[in-house]
Amino acid sequence: MVGLATTSFHREGNNYSRNGYYFYLYNGTLNSSIGDDDKEYYNQNANQDGSIIGVHYDESFGTITFYLNGKNLGIAYTNVTGDLYPAFDFYGTGACIELVPFH
């Protein structure tokens, strides 16, 4: 899962339903601390080798939008407030991420 979380992110436990706003790449659903567990968002598996996932938090509008390989997937969350930071939540083993600069 890729998303945004507050500073109360729990390093040793699941955060997708407790802290923040996440896009579950395996099945394209949204999971968050506001009760959006498994909400439909993107109807495909976005978890392909080499996929580039982006997230944009627009504080002025209170929205979070995700991108897949440069394609805007639409607004995922609204009425978002507060300081948020990039976060990842892994389910299972063998997964990896690579952080790349945005140009």
PDB file of N, CA and C in Angstrom:
ATOM      1  N   MET A   1       0.843  -1.177   0.000  1.00  0.00           N
ATOM      2  CA  MET A   1       0.000   0.000   0.000  1.00  0.00           C
ATOM      3  C   MET A   1       0.883   1.234   0.000  1.00  0.00           C
ATOM      4  N   VAL A   2       0.459   2.220  -0.735  1.00  0.00           N
ATOM      5  CA  VAL A   2       1.177   3.487  -0.837  1.00  0.00           C
ATOM      6  C   VAL A   2       0.213   4.574  -0.404  1.00  0.00           C
ATOM      7  N   GLY A   3       0.714   5.535   0.363  1.00  0.00           N
ATOM      8  CA  GLY A   3      -0.176   6.609   0.774  1.00  0.00           C
ATOM      9  C   GLY A   3       0.492   7.654   1.626  1.00  0.00           C
ATOM     10  N   LEU A   4      -0.310   8.256   2.478  1.00  0.00           N
ATOM     11  CA  LEU A   4       0.137   9.331   3.356  1.00  0.00           C
ATOM     12  C   LEU A   4      -0.347   9.057   4.774  1.00  0.00           C
ATOM     13  N   ALA A   5       0.503   9.379   5.749  1.00  0.00           N
ATOM     14  CA  ALA A   5       0.152   9.154   7.154  1.00  0.00           C
ATOM     15  C   ALA A   5       0.609  10.340   7.999  1.00  0.00           C
ATOM     16  N   THR A   6       0.106  10.410   9.213  1.00  0.00           N
ATOM     17  CA  THR A   6       0.536  11.443  10.160  1.00  0.00           C
ATOM     18  C   THR A   6       1.798  10.968  10.876  1.00  0.00           C
ATOM     19  N   THR A   7       2.302  11.778  11.772  1.00  0.00           N
ATOM     20  CA  THR A   7       3.508  11.403  12.512  1.00  0.00           C
ATOM     21  C   THR A   7       3.252  10.298  13.523  1.00  0.00           C
ATOM     22  N   SER A   8       1.998   9.942  13.767  1.00  0.00           N
ATOM     23  CA  SER A   8       1.725   8.848  14.698  1.00  0.00           C
ATOM     24  C   SER A   8       1.720   7.486  13.998  1.00  0.00           C
ATOM     25  N   PHE A   9       2.364   7.424  12.859  1.00  0.00           N
ATOM     26  CA  PHE A   9       2.536   6.190  12.096  1.00  0.00           C
ATOM     27  C   PHE A   9       3.168   5.120  12.977  1.00  0.00           C
ATOM     28  N   HIS A  10       2.625   3.919  12.965  1.00  0.00           N
ATOM     29  CA  HIS A  10       3.112   2.812  13.790  1.00  0.00           C
ATOM     30  C   HIS A  10       4.092   1.982  12.963  1.00  0.00           C
ATOM     31  N   ARG A  11       5.380   2.046  13.293  1.00  0.00           N
ATOM     32  CA  ARG A  11       6.425   1.378  12.509  1.00  0.00           C
ATOM     33  C   ARG A  11       6.345  -0.134  12.549  1.00  0.00           C
ATOM     34  N   GLU A  12       5.769  -0.716  13.556  1.00  0.00           N
ATOM     35  CA  GLU A  12       5.769  -2.173  13.707  1.00  0.00           C
ATOM     36  C   GLU A  12       4.389  -2.806  13.522  1.00  0.00           C
ATOM     37  N   GLY A  13       3.460  -2.080  12.948  1.00  0.00           N
ATOM     38  CA  GLY A  13       2.120  -2.647  12.804  1.00  0.00           C
ATOM     39  C   GLY A  13       1.409  -2.104  11.589  1.00  0.00           C
ATOM     40  N   ASN A  14       0.207  -2.576  11.357  1.00  0.00           N
ATOM     41  CA  ASN A  14      -0.593  -2.114  10.230  1.00  0.00           C
ATOM     42  C   ASN A  14      -1.067  -0.695  10.460  1.00  0.00           C
ATOM     43  N   ASN A  15      -1.014   0.100   9.422  1.00  0.00           N
ATOM     44  CA  ASN A  15      -1.464   1.485   9.497  1.00  0.00           C
ATOM     45  C   ASN A  15      -2.625   1.779   8.561  1.00  0.00           C
ATOM     46  N   TYR A  16      -2.833   0.933   7.568  1.00  0.00           N
ATOM     47  CA  TYR A  16      -3.798   1.238   6.517  1.00  0.00           C
ATOM     48  C   TYR A  16      -5.210   1.498   7.027  1.00  0.00           C
ATOM     49  N   SER A  17      -5.574   0.942   8.169  1.00  0.00           N
ATOM     50  CA  SER A  17      -6.914   1.204   8.698  1.00  0.00           C
ATOM     51  C   SER A  17      -6.872   2.016   9.987  1.00  0.00           C
ATOM     52  N   ARG A  18      -5.691   2.462  10.392  1.00  0.00           N
ATOM     53  CA  ARG A  18      -5.548   3.205  11.649  1.00  0.00           C
ATOM     54  C   ARG A  18      -4.978   4.600  11.484  1.00  0.00           C
ATOM     55  N   ASN A  19      -4.154   4.783  10.467  1.00  0.00           N
ATOM     56  CA  ASN A  19      -3.420   6.030  10.362  1.00  0.00           C
ATOM     57  C   ASN A  19      -3.139   6.363   8.908  1.00  0.00           C
ATOM     58  N   GLY A  20      -3.895   7.252   8.339  1.00  0.00           N
ATOM     59  CA  GLY A  20      -3.579   7.730   7.014  1.00  0.00           C
ATOM     60  C   GLY A  20      -4.532   7.295   5.925  1.00  0.00           C
ATOM     61  N   TYR A  21      -4.048   7.481   4.715  1.00  0.00           N
ATOM     62  CA  TYR A  21      -4.838   7.293   3.503  1.00  0.00           C
ATOM     63  C   TYR A  21      -3.997   6.496   2.517  1.00  0.00           C
ATOM     64  N   TYR A  22      -4.488   5.324   2.099  1.00  0.00           N
ATOM     65  CA  TYR A  22      -3.678   4.400   1.309  1.00  0.00           C
ATOM     66  C   TYR A  22      -4.379   3.903   0.054  1.00  0.00           C
ATOM     67  N   PHE A  23      -3.565   3.586  -0.945  1.00  0.00           N
ATOM     68  CA  PHE A  23      -3.982   2.953  -2.191  1.00  0.00           C
ATOM     69  C   PHE A  23      -3.369   1.551  -2.182  1.00  0.00           C
ATOM     70  N   TYR A  24      -4.211   0.530  -2.163  1.00  0.00           N
ATOM     71  CA  TYR A  24      -3.748  -0.857  -2.124  1.00  0.00           C
ATOM     72  C   TYR A  24      -3.475  -1.298  -3.562  1.00  0.00           C
ATOM     73  N   LEU A  25      -2.214  -1.411  -3.894  1.00  0.00           N
ATOM     74  CA  LEU A  25      -1.808  -1.655  -5.270  1.00  0.00           C
ATOM     75  C   LEU A  25      -2.239  -3.025  -5.789  1.00  0.00           C
ATOM     76  N   TYR A  26      -2.362  -3.990  -4.914  1.00  0.00           N
ATOM     77  CA  TYR A  26      -2.702  -5.348  -5.340  1.00  0.00           C
ATOM     78  C   TYR A  26      -4.083  -5.437  -5.993  1.00  0.00           C
ATOM     79  N   ASN A  27      -5.065  -4.760  -5.381  1.00  0.00           N
ATOM     80  CA  ASN A  27      -6.418  -4.875  -5.924  1.00  0.00           C
ATOM     81  C   ASN A  27      -7.066  -3.538  -6.276  1.00  0.00           C
ATOM     82  N   GLY A  28      -6.332  -2.436  -6.140  1.00  0.00           N
ATOM     83  CA  GLY A  28      -6.836  -1.133  -6.557  1.00  0.00           C
ATOM     84  C   GLY A  28      -7.834  -0.484  -5.629  1.00  0.00           C
ATOM     85  N   THR A  29      -7.901  -0.932  -4.368  1.00  0.00           N
ATOM     86  CA  THR A  29      -8.865  -0.355  -3.432  1.00  0.00           C
ATOM     87  C   THR A  29      -8.208   0.707  -2.552  1.00  0.00           C
ATOM     88  N   LEU A  30      -9.044   1.452  -1.854  1.00  0.00           N
ATOM     89  CA  LEU A  30      -8.591   2.460  -0.895  1.00  0.00           C
ATOM     90  C   LEU A  30      -8.821   1.940   0.512  1.00  0.00           C
ATOM     91  N   ASN A  31      -7.888   2.263   1.400  1.00  0.00           N
ATOM     92  CA  ASN A  31      -8.010   1.900   2.814  1.00  0.00           C
ATOM     93  C   ASN A  31      -7.528   3.089   3.624  1.00  0.00           C
ATOM     94  N   SER A  32      -8.280   3.446   4.662  1.00  0.00           N
ATOM     95  CA  SER A  32      -7.885   4.616   5.445  1.00  0.00           C
ATOM     96  C   SER A  32      -8.398   4.526   6.874  1.00  0.00           C
ATOM     97  N   SER A  33      -7.919   5.468   7.655  1.00  0.00           N
ATOM     98  CA  SER A  33      -8.351   5.547   9.048  1.00  0.00           C
ATOM     99  C   SER A  33      -9.735   6.172   9.173  1.00  0.00           C
ATOM    100  N   ILE A  34     -10.306   6.630   8.072  1.00  0.00           N
ATOM    101  CA  ILE A  34     -11.653   7.221   8.126  1.00  0.00           C
ATOM    102  C   ILE A  34     -12.731   6.223   7.714  1.00  0.00           C
ATOM    103  N   GLY A  35     -12.346   4.950   7.561  1.00  0.00           N
ATOM    104  CA  GLY A  35     -13.329   3.914   7.303  1.00  0.00           C
ATOM    105  C   GLY A  35     -13.536   3.540   5.851  1.00  0.00           C
ATOM    106  N   ASP A  36     -12.590   3.849   4.984  1.00  0.00           N
ATOM    107  CA  ASP A  36     -12.717   3.500   3.568  1.00  0.00           C
ATOM    108  C   ASP A  36     -12.114   2.141   3.257  1.00  0.00           C
ATOM    109  N   ASP A  37     -12.227   1.184   4.145  1.00  0.00           N
ATOM    110  CA  ASP A  37     -11.596  -0.109   3.928  1.00  0.00           C
ATOM    111  C   ASP A  37     -12.145  -0.799   2.688  1.00  0.00           C
ATOM    112  N   ASP A  38     -11.232  -1.132   1.784  1.00  0.00           N
ATOM    113  CA  ASP A  38     -11.538  -1.839   0.541  1.00  0.00           C
ATOM    114  C   ASP A  38     -12.545  -1.114  -0.348  1.00  0.00           C
ATOM    115  N   LYS A  39     -12.522   0.210  -0.329  1.00  0.00           N
ATOM    116  CA  LYS A  39     -13.393   1.002  -1.196  1.00  0.00           C
ATOM    117  C   LYS A  39     -12.857   0.922  -2.624  1.00  0.00           C
ATOM    118  N   GLU A  40     -13.716   0.644  -3.600  1.00  0.00           N
ATOM    119  CA  GLU A  40     -13.288   0.565  -4.988  1.00  0.00           C
ATOM    120  C   GLU A  40     -12.724   1.901  -5.449  1.00  0.00           C
ATOM    121  N   TYR A  41     -11.605   1.836  -6.186  1.00  0.00           N
ATOM    122  CA  TYR A  41     -10.965   3.049  -6.686  1.00  0.00           C
ATOM    123  C   TYR A  41     -10.439   2.833  -8.096  1.00  0.00           C
ATOM    124  N   TYR A  42      -9.586   1.860  -8.261  1.00  0.00           N
ATOM    125  CA  TYR A  42      -8.983   1.549  -9.551  1.00  0.00           C
ATOM    126  C   TYR A  42      -9.216   0.071  -9.802  1.00  0.00           C
ATOM    127  N   ASN A  43      -9.874  -0.276 -10.893  1.00  0.00           N
ATOM    128  CA  ASN A  43     -10.354  -1.642 -11.076  1.00  0.00           C
ATOM    129  C   ASN A  43      -9.318  -2.626 -11.631  1.00  0.00           C
ATOM    130  N   GLN A  44      -8.040  -2.339 -11.420  1.00  0.00           N
ATOM    131  CA  GLN A  44      -6.999  -3.240 -11.901  1.00  0.00           C
ATOM    132  C   GLN A  44      -5.895  -3.365 -10.861  1.00  0.00           C
ATOM    133  N   ASN A  45      -5.087  -4.383 -11.021  1.00  0.00           N
ATOM    134  CA  ASN A  45      -3.909  -4.565 -10.184  1.00  0.00           C
ATOM    135  C   ASN A  45      -2.852  -3.559 -10.625  1.00  0.00           C
ATOM    136  N   ALA A  46      -2.444  -2.672  -9.743  1.00  0.00           N
ATOM    137  CA  ALA A  46      -1.433  -1.665 -10.062  1.00  0.00           C
ATOM    138  C   ALA A  46      -0.057  -2.101  -9.581  1.00  0.00           C
ATOM    139  N   ASN A  47       0.033  -3.325  -9.102  1.00  0.00           N
ATOM    140  CA  ASN A  47       1.251  -3.837  -8.484  1.00  0.00           C
ATOM    141  C   ASN A  47       2.104  -4.599  -9.504  1.00  0.00           C
ATOM    142  N   GLN A  48       2.516  -3.921 -10.553  1.00  0.00           N
ATOM    143  CA  GLN A  48       3.337  -4.539 -11.583  1.00  0.00           C
ATOM    144  C   GLN A  48       4.780  -4.058 -11.437  1.00  0.00           C
ATOM    145  N   ASP A  49       5.742  -4.934 -11.707  1.00  0.00           N
ATOM    146  CA  ASP A  49       7.144  -4.536 -11.656  1.00  0.00           C
ATOM    147  C   ASP A  49       7.366  -3.322 -12.548  1.00  0.00           C
ATOM    148  N   GLY A  50       8.026  -2.328 -12.006  1.00  0.00           N
ATOM    149  CA  GLY A  50       8.342  -1.121 -12.764  1.00  0.00           C
ATOM    150  C   GLY A  50       7.270  -0.055 -12.762  1.00  0.00           C
ATOM    151  N   SER A  51       6.125  -0.318 -12.139  1.00  0.00           N
ATOM    152  CA  SER A  51       5.076   0.704 -12.083  1.00  0.00           C
ATOM    153  C   SER A  51       5.547   1.881 -11.244  1.00  0.00           C
ATOM    154  N   ILE A  52       5.159   3.051 -11.663  1.00  0.00           N
ATOM    155  CA  ILE A  52       5.482   4.269 -10.919  1.00  0.00           C
ATOM    156  C   ILE A  52       4.188   4.807 -10.335  1.00  0.00           C
ATOM    157  N   ILE A  53       4.147   4.863  -9.009  1.00  0.00           N
ATOM    158  CA  ILE A  53       2.966   5.319  -8.287  1.00  0.00           C
ATOM    159  C   ILE A  53       3.255   6.710  -7.727  1.00  0.00           C
ATOM    160  N   GLY A  54       2.358   7.627  -7.951  1.00  0.00           N
ATOM    161  CA  GLY A  54       2.490   8.977  -7.412  1.00  0.00           C
ATOM    162  C   GLY A  54       1.303   9.300  -6.528  1.00  0.00           C
ATOM    163  N   VAL A  55       1.522  10.192  -5.595  1.00  0.00           N
ATOM    164  CA  VAL A  55       0.432  10.652  -4.731  1.00  0.00           C
ATOM    165  C   VAL A  55       0.558  12.167  -4.586  1.00  0.00           C
ATOM    166  N   HIS A  56      -0.573  12.852  -4.678  1.00  0.00           N
ATOM    167  CA  HIS A  56      -0.579  14.304  -4.543  1.00  0.00           C
ATOM    168  C   HIS A  56      -1.613  14.708  -3.497  1.00  0.00           C
ATOM    169  N   TYR A  57      -1.137  15.428  -2.491  1.00  0.00           N
ATOM    170  CA  TYR A  57      -2.011  15.953  -1.443  1.00  0.00           C
ATOM    171  C   TYR A  57      -2.147  17.442  -1.688  1.00  0.00           C
ATOM    172  N   ASP A  58      -3.327  17.887  -2.038  1.00  0.00           N
ATOM    173  CA  ASP A  58      -3.599  19.299  -2.261  1.00  0.00           C
ATOM    174  C   ASP A  58      -4.241  19.854  -0.994  1.00  0.00           C
ATOM    175  N   GLU A  59      -3.409  20.467  -0.171  1.00  0.00           N
ATOM    176  CA  GLU A  59      -3.896  20.982   1.118  1.00  0.00           C
ATOM    177  C   GLU A  59      -4.952  22.061   0.951  1.00  0.00           C
ATOM    178  N   SER A  60      -4.857  22.853  -0.108  1.00  0.00           N
ATOM    179  CA  SER A  60      -5.815  23.944  -0.281  1.00  0.00           C
ATOM    180  C   SER A  60      -7.227  23.433  -0.580  1.00  0.00           C
ATOM    181  N   PHE A  61      -7.343  22.271  -1.204  1.00  0.00           N
ATOM    182  CA  PHE A  61      -8.649  21.684  -1.489  1.00  0.00           C
ATOM    183  C   PHE A  61      -8.971  20.497  -0.593  1.00  0.00           C
ATOM    184  N   GLY A  62      -7.980  20.018   0.172  1.00  0.00           N
ATOM    185  CA  GLY A  62      -8.185  18.888   1.068  1.00  0.00           C
ATOM    186  C   GLY A  62      -8.400  17.576   0.325  1.00  0.00           C
ATOM    187  N   THR A  63      -7.672  17.396  -0.792  1.00  0.00           N
ATOM    188  CA  THR A  63      -7.846  16.184  -1.598  1.00  0.00           C
ATOM    189  C   THR A  63      -6.528  15.417  -1.739  1.00  0.00           C
ATOM    190  N   ILE A  64      -6.673  14.112  -1.932  1.00  0.00           N
ATOM    191  CA  ILE A  64      -5.537  13.237  -2.239  1.00  0.00           C
ATOM    192  C   ILE A  64      -5.861  12.520  -3.541  1.00  0.00           C
ATOM    193  N   THR A  65      -4.914  12.560  -4.463  1.00  0.00           N
ATOM    194  CA  THR A  65      -5.053  11.914  -5.762  1.00  0.00           C
ATOM    195  C   THR A  65      -3.859  10.996  -5.984  1.00  0.00           C
ATOM    196  N   PHE A  66      -4.098   9.838  -6.569  1.00  0.00           N
ATOM    197  CA  PHE A  66      -3.018   8.912  -6.903  1.00  0.00           C
ATOM    198  C   PHE A  66      -2.813   8.876  -8.408  1.00  0.00           C
ATOM    199  N   TYR A  67      -1.584   8.545  -8.806  1.00  0.00           N
ATOM    200  CA  TYR A  67      -1.193   8.448 -10.206  1.00  0.00           C
ATOM    201  C   TYR A  67      -0.528   7.102 -10.433  1.00  0.00           C
ATOM    202  N   LEU A  68      -0.772   6.517 -11.594  1.00  0.00           N
ATOM    203  CA  LEU A  68      -0.139   5.263 -11.977  1.00  0.00           C
ATOM    204  C   LEU A  68       0.540   5.481 -13.323  1.00  0.00           C
ATOM    205  N   ASN A  69       1.870   5.404 -13.321  1.00  0.00           N
ATOM    206  CA  ASN A  69       2.655   5.629 -14.536  1.00  0.00           C
ATOM    207  C   ASN A  69       2.263   6.934 -15.225  1.00  0.00           C
ATOM    208  N   GLY A  70       2.050   7.974 -14.419  1.00  0.00           N
ATOM    209  CA  GLY A  70       1.715   9.299 -14.932  1.00  0.00           C
ATOM    210  C   GLY A  70       0.235   9.539 -15.174  1.00  0.00           C
ATOM    211  N   LYS A  71      -0.590   8.509 -15.115  1.00  0.00           N
ATOM    212  CA  LYS A  71      -2.033   8.646 -15.346  1.00  0.00           C
ATOM    213  C   LYS A  71      -2.740   9.023 -14.054  1.00  0.00           C
ATOM    214  N   ASN A  72      -3.496  10.110 -14.094  1.00  0.00           N
ATOM    215  CA  ASN A  72      -4.282  10.558 -12.954  1.00  0.00           C
ATOM    216  C   ASN A  72      -5.435   9.584 -12.754  1.00  0.00           C
ATOM    217  N   LEU A  73      -5.522   8.975 -11.580  1.00  0.00           N
ATOM    218  CA  LEU A  73      -6.580   8.016 -11.294  1.00  0.00           C
ATOM    219  C   LEU A  73      -7.814   8.663 -10.673  1.00  0.00           C
ATOM    220  N   GLY A  74      -7.786   9.967 -10.511  1.00  0.00           N
ATOM    221  CA  GLY A  74      -8.922  10.688  -9.943  1.00  0.00           C
ATOM    222  C   GLY A  74      -8.762  10.899  -8.446  1.00  0.00           C
ATOM    223  N   ILE A  75      -9.581  11.767  -7.911  1.00  0.00           N
ATOM    224  CA  ILE A  75      -9.520  12.082  -6.480  1.00  0.00           C
ATOM    225  C   ILE A  75      -9.929  10.863  -5.673  1.00  0.00           C
ATOM    226  N   ALA A  76      -9.059  10.477  -4.763  1.00  0.00           N
ATOM    227  CA  ALA A  76      -9.308   9.315  -3.909  1.00  0.00           C
ATOM    228  C   ALA A  76      -9.954   9.721  -2.589  1.00  0.00           C
ATOM    229  N   TYR A  77      -9.505  10.828  -2.022  1.00  0.00           N
ATOM    230  CA  TYR A  77      -9.990  11.272  -0.709  1.00  0.00           C
ATOM    231  C   TYR A  77     -10.294  12.762  -0.752  1.00  0.00           C
ATOM    232  N   THR A  78     -11.323  13.164  -0.024  1.00  0.00           N
ATOM    233  CA  THR A  78     -11.685  14.570   0.118  1.00  0.00           C
ATOM    234  C   THR A  78     -11.762  14.912   1.604  1.00  0.00           C
ATOM    235  N   ASN A  79     -11.841  16.184   1.899  1.00  0.00           N
ATOM    236  CA  ASN A  79     -11.951  16.677   3.279  1.00  0.00           C
ATOM    237  C   ASN A  79     -10.779  16.231   4.148  1.00  0.00           C
ATOM    238  N   VAL A  80      -9.594  16.176   3.542  1.00  0.00           N
ATOM    239  CA  VAL A  80      -8.381  15.777   4.263  1.00  0.00           C
ATOM    240  C   VAL A  80      -7.736  17.026   4.856  1.00  0.00           C
ATOM    241  N   THR A  81      -7.299  16.937   6.112  1.00  0.00           N
ATOM    242  CA  THR A  81      -6.627  18.066   6.759  1.00  0.00           C
ATOM    243  C   THR A  81      -5.412  17.568   7.523  1.00  0.00           C
ATOM    244  N   GLY A  82      -4.520  18.473   7.817  1.00  0.00           N
ATOM    245  CA  GLY A  82      -3.372  18.163   8.660  1.00  0.00           C
ATOM    246  C   GLY A  82      -2.112  17.849   7.882  1.00  0.00           C
ATOM    247  N   ASP A  83      -1.035  17.691   8.646  1.00  0.00           N
ATOM    248  CA  ASP A  83       0.260  17.363   8.064  1.00  0.00           C
ATOM    249  C   ASP A  83       0.322  15.872   7.768  1.00  0.00           C
ATOM    250  N   LEU A  84       0.679  15.531   6.533  1.00  0.00           N
ATOM    251  CA  LEU A  84       0.786  14.144   6.117  1.00  0.00           C
ATOM    252  C   LEU A  84       2.141  13.896   5.478  1.00  0.00           C
ATOM    253  N   TYR A  85       2.603  12.667   5.577  1.00  0.00           N
ATOM    254  CA  TYR A  85       3.929  12.291   5.093  1.00  0.00           C
ATOM    255  C   TYR A  85       3.847  10.995   4.298  1.00  0.00           C
ATOM    256  N   PRO A  86       4.726  10.808   3.302  1.00  0.00           N
ATOM    257  CA  PRO A  86       4.711   9.565   2.525  1.00  0.00           C
ATOM    258  C   PRO A  86       4.819   8.345   3.436  1.00  0.00           C
ATOM    259  N   ALA A  87       4.026   7.324   3.122  1.00  0.00           N
ATOM    260  CA  ALA A  87       4.015   6.110   3.938  1.00  0.00           C
ATOM    261  C   ALA A  87       3.744   4.894   3.058  1.00  0.00           C
ATOM    262  N   PHE A  88       4.263   3.763   3.503  1.00  0.00           N
ATOM    263  CA  PHE A  88       4.085   2.501   2.794  1.00  0.00           C
ATOM    264  C   PHE A  88       3.702   1.447   3.818  1.00  0.00           C
ATOM    265  N   ASP A  89       2.802   0.583   3.454  1.00  0.00           N
ATOM    266  CA  ASP A  89       2.378  -0.484   4.347  1.00  0.00           C
ATOM    267  C   ASP A  89       2.402  -1.773   3.537  1.00  0.00           C
ATOM    268  N   PHE A  90       3.259  -2.715   3.924  1.00  0.00           N
ATOM    269  CA  PHE A  90       3.415  -3.969   3.189  1.00  0.00           C
ATOM    270  C   PHE A  90       2.576  -5.055   3.817  1.00  0.00           C
ATOM    271  N   TYR A  91       1.972  -5.850   2.969  1.00  0.00           N
ATOM    272  CA  TYR A  91       1.208  -7.007   3.415  1.00  0.00           C
ATOM    273  C   TYR A  91       1.886  -8.221   2.789  1.00  0.00           C
ATOM    274  N   GLY A  92       2.606  -8.961   3.556  1.00  0.00           N
ATOM    275  CA  GLY A  92       3.347 -10.102   3.032  1.00  0.00           C
ATOM    276  C   GLY A  92       4.832  -9.819   2.964  1.00  0.00           C
ATOM    277  N   THR A  93       5.556 -10.733   2.353  1.00  0.00           N
ATOM    278  CA  THR A  93       7.006 -10.600   2.273  1.00  0.00           C
ATOM    279  C   THR A  93       7.447 -10.528   0.816  1.00  0.00           C
ATOM    280  N   GLY A  94       8.682 -10.112   0.616  1.00  0.00           N
ATOM    281  CA  GLY A  94       9.275 -10.100  -0.709  1.00  0.00           C
ATOM    282  C   GLY A  94       9.003  -8.851  -1.525  1.00  0.00           C
ATOM    283  N   ALA A  95       8.300  -7.890  -0.977  1.00  0.00           N
ATOM    284  CA  ALA A  95       8.011  -6.660  -1.708  1.00  0.00           C
ATOM    285  C   ALA A  95       9.132  -5.653  -1.495  1.00  0.00           C
ATOM    286  N   CYS A  96       9.297  -4.754  -2.442  1.00  0.00           N
ATOM    287  CA  CYS A  96      10.288  -3.691  -2.280  1.00  0.00           C
ATOM    288  C   CYS A  96       9.793  -2.434  -2.979  1.00  0.00           C
ATOM    289  N   ILE A  97      10.358  -1.319  -2.577  1.00  0.00           N
ATOM    290  CA  ILE A  97      10.039  -0.041  -3.205  1.00  0.00           C
ATOM    291  C   ILE A  97      11.332   0.663  -3.547  1.00  0.00           C
ATOM    292  N   GLU A  98      11.244   1.564  -4.489  1.00  0.00           N
ATOM    293  CA  GLU A  98      12.371   2.419  -4.831  1.00  0.00           C
ATOM    294  C   GLU A  98      11.837   3.835  -4.900  1.00  0.00           C
ATOM    295  N   LEU A  99      12.393   4.730  -4.123  1.00  0.00           N
ATOM    296  CA  LEU A  99      11.968   6.116  -4.140  1.00  0.00           C
ATOM    297  C   LEU A  99      12.737   6.850  -5.230  1.00  0.00           C
ATOM    298  N   VAL A 100      12.015   7.540  -6.093  1.00  0.00           N
ATOM    299  CA  VAL A 100      12.646   8.290  -7.179  1.00  0.00           C
ATOM    300  C   VAL A 100      12.183   9.733  -7.097  1.00  0.00           C
ATOM    301  N   PRO A 101      13.050  10.656  -7.477  1.00  0.00           N
ATOM    302  CA  PRO A 101      12.653  12.072  -7.423  1.00  0.00           C
ATOM    303  C   PRO A 101      11.611  12.388  -8.482  1.00  0.00           C
ATOM    304  N   PHE A 102      10.737  13.316  -8.164  1.00  0.00           N
ATOM    305  CA  PHE A 102       9.709  13.776  -9.092  1.00  0.00           C
ATOM    306  C   PHE A 102      10.294  14.895  -9.934  1.00  0.00           C
ATOM    307  N   HIS A 103      10.123  14.809 -11.218  1.00  0.00           N
ATOM    308  CA  HIS A 103      10.639  15.859 -12.120  1.00  0.00           C
ATOM    309  C   HIS A 103       9.513  16.570 -12.804  1.00  0.00           C
TER     310      HIS A 103
END
